[in-house]
C-alpha atoms as a PDB file:
ATOM      1  CA  MET A   1       0.000   0.000   0.000  1.00  0.00           C
ATOM      2  CA  PRO A   2       1.446   3.448  -0.912  1.00  0.00           C
ATOM      3  CA  THR A   3       2.461   5.893   1.807  1.00  0.00           C
ATOM      4  CA  ILE A   4       1.772   9.640   1.789  1.00  0.00           C
ATOM      5  CA  GLN A   5       3.904  11.986   3.891  1.00  0.00           C
ATOM      6  CA  ILE A   6       2.959  15.550   4.845  1.00  0.00           C
ATOM      7  CA  ARG A   7       4.763  18.245   6.784  1.00  0.00           C
ATOM      8  CA  ILE A   8       2.914  19.694   9.755  1.00  0.00           C
ATOM      9  CA  ASN A   9       4.178  21.442  12.857  1.00  0.00           C
ATOM     10  CA  GLU A  10       4.191  19.444  16.082  1.00  0.00           C
ATOM     11  CA  LYS A  11       1.542  21.518  17.877  1.00  0.00           C
ATOM     12  CA  ARG A  12      -0.946  21.169  15.031  1.00  0.00           C
ATOM     13  CA  LYS A  13      -0.268  17.432  14.828  1.00  0.00           C
ATOM     14  CA  LYS A  14      -0.923  16.972  18.553  1.00  0.00           C
ATOM     15  CA  ASN A  15      -4.130  19.022  18.362  1.00  0.00           C
ATOM     16  CA  MET A  16      -5.275  16.978  15.365  1.00  0.00           C
ATOM     17  CA  GLN A  17      -4.477  13.708  17.166  1.00  0.00           C
ATOM     18  CA  LYS A  18      -6.619  14.765  20.151  1.00  0.00           C
ATOM     19  CA  VAL A  19      -9.634  15.473  17.944  1.00  0.00           C
ATOM     20  CA  ILE A  20      -9.216  12.297  15.893  1.00  0.00           C
ATOM     21  CA  LYS A  21      -8.687  10.157  19.013  1.00  0.00           C
ATOM     22  CA  LYS A  22     -11.967  11.484  20.498  1.00  0.00           C
ATOM     23  CA  SER A  23     -13.665  10.114  17.380  1.00  0.00           C
ATOM     24  CA  GLY A  24     -12.092   6.705  18.021  1.00  0.00           C
ATOM     25  CA  MET A  25      -9.936   6.907  14.923  1.00  0.00           C
ATOM     26  CA  THR A  26      -6.285   7.019  13.990  1.00  0.00           C
ATOM     27  CA  ILE A  27      -4.673   9.682  11.825  1.00  0.00           C
ATOM     28  CA  SER A  28      -4.345   7.095   9.060  1.00  0.00           C
ATOM     29  CA  GLY A  29      -8.022   6.190   9.352  1.00  0.00           C
ATOM     30  CA  ALA A  30      -9.084   9.831   9.321  1.00  0.00           C
ATOM     31  CA  MET A  31      -6.939  10.575   6.276  1.00  0.00           C
ATOM     32  CA  ASN A  32      -8.360   7.540   4.462  1.00  0.00           C
ATOM     33  CA  LEU A  33     -11.876   8.739   5.298  1.00  0.00           C
ATOM     34  CA  TYR A  34     -10.986  12.189   3.928  1.00  0.00           C
ATOM     35  CA  ILE A  35      -9.523  10.699   0.730  1.00  0.00           C
ATOM     36  CA  ASN A  36     -12.558   8.434   0.243  1.00  0.00           C
ATOM     37  CA  GLN A  37     -14.868  11.427   0.657  1.00  0.00           C
ATOM     38  CA  ILE A  38     -12.942  13.354  -2.016  1.00  0.00           C
ATOM     39  CA  ILE A  39     -13.144  10.384  -4.376  1.00  0.00           C
ATOM     40  CA  SER A  40     -16.837   9.634  -3.812  1.00  0.00           C
ATOM     41  CA  THR A  41     -18.019  13.255  -4.100  1.00  0.00           C
ATOM     42  CA  GLU A  42     -15.346  14.461  -6.526  1.00  0.00           C
ATOM     43  CA  HIS A  43     -15.018  17.557  -4.321  1.00  0.00           C
ATOM     44  CA  ILE A  44     -12.977  18.758  -1.358  1.00  0.00           C
ATOM     45  CA  PRO A  45     -15.314  18.066   1.613  1.00  0.00           C
ATOM     46  CA  PHE A  46     -15.159  21.601   2.972  1.00  0.00           C
ATOM     47  CA  GLN A  47     -15.476  25.085   1.560  1.00  0.00           C
ATOM     48  CA  ILE A  48     -12.279  26.700   0.349  1.00  0.00           C
ATOM     49  CA  SER A  49     -12.432  30.472   0.236  1.00  0.00           C
ATOM     50  CA  PRO A  50      -9.896  33.197  -0.456  1.00  0.00           C
ATOM     51  CA  SER A  51      -8.298  35.114   2.381  1.00  0.00           C
ATOM     52  CA  ILE A  52      -9.609  38.567   3.239  1.00  0.00           C
ATOM     53  CA  GLU A  53      -6.338  40.018   1.936  1.00  0.00           C
ATOM     54  CA  LEU A  54      -6.777  38.294  -1.432  1.00  0.00           C
ATOM     55  CA  GLU A  55     -10.405  39.433  -1.671  1.00  0.00           C
ATOM     56  CA  LYS A  56      -9.280  43.037  -1.061  1.00  0.00           C
ATOM     57  CA  MET A  57      -6.618  42.724  -3.770  1.00  0.00           C
ATOM     58  CA  VAL A  58      -9.160  41.373  -6.265  1.00  0.00           C
ATOM     59  CA  MET A  59     -11.629  44.159  -5.454  1.00  0.00           C
ATOM     60  CA  GLU A  60      -8.875  46.767  -5.877  1.00  0.00           C
ATOM     61  CA  ALA A  61      -7.850  45.264  -9.218  1.00  0.00           C
ATOM     62  CA  HIS A  62     -11.477  45.250 -10.370  1.00  0.00           C
ATOM     63  CA  ARG A  63     -11.894  48.896  -9.338  1.00  0.00           C
ATOM     64  CA  GLU A  64      -8.711  49.864 -11.212  1.00  0.00           C
ATOM     65  CA  TYR A  65      -9.963  47.996 -14.275  1.00  0.00           C
ATOM     66  CA  LYS A  66     -13.338  49.772 -14.205  1.00  0.00           C
ATOM     67  CA  GLU A  67     -11.589  53.144 -13.826  1.00  0.00           C
ATOM     68  CA  GLY A  68      -9.315  52.425 -16.788  1.00  0.00           C
ATOM     69  CA  LYS A  69      -6.191  52.420 -14.633  1.00  0.00           C
ATOM     70  CA  THR A  70      -4.890  49.061 -15.795  1.00  0.00           C
ATOM     71  CA  LYS A  71      -1.787  48.714 -17.937  1.00  0.00           C
ATOM     72  CA  LYS A  72      -1.493  46.729 -21.152  1.00  0.00           C
ATOM     73  CA  PHE A  73       1.624  44.794 -22.059  1.00  0.00           C
ATOM     74  CA  THR A  74       2.723  43.205 -25.311  1.00  0.00           C
ATOM     75  CA  ASP A  75       6.140  42.213 -23.986  1.00  0.00           C
ATOM     76  CA  PRO A  76       6.001  39.433 -21.357  1.00  0.00           C
ATOM     77  CA  LYS A  77       9.328  40.549 -19.866  1.00  0.00           C
ATOM     78  CA  LYS A  78       7.982  44.055 -19.241  1.00  0.00           C
ATOM     79  CA  LEU A  79       4.878  42.561 -17.659  1.00  0.00           C
ATOM     80  CA  MET A  80       6.994  40.437 -15.322  1.00  0.00           C
ATOM     81  CA  GLU A  81       9.184  43.442 -14.432  1.00  0.00           C
ATOM     82  CA  TYR A  82       6.065  45.473 -13.635  1.00  0.00           C
ATOM     83  CA  LEU A  83       4.620  42.707 -11.468  1.00  0.00           C
ATOM     84  CA  HIS A  84       7.940  42.155  -9.708  1.00  0.00           C
ATOM     85  CA  ASP A  85       8.295  45.872  -8.929  1.00  0.00           C
ATOM     86  CA  ARG A  86       4.685  46.178  -7.779  1.00  0.00           C
ATOM     87  CA  TRP A  87       4.655  43.154  -5.480  1.00  0.00           C
END
């Protein structure tokens, strides 16, 4: 059977183990349940949403677009330079 490894800090792992143990499961069992849920529903079994910071950035970009403040690039290198300088 294949093995999957993930990196997680020790505190989060211990907190996760406590919750899973209360359910009478092991980490392996919980992960298999999670994987089976993804397979059977063909979806991640929880809502994934952007961070507040990302939402603000998208709203700002949309506002700039509506106000005609966006830049157009034909040269990919110039686009990357602009993005690098801006972020």
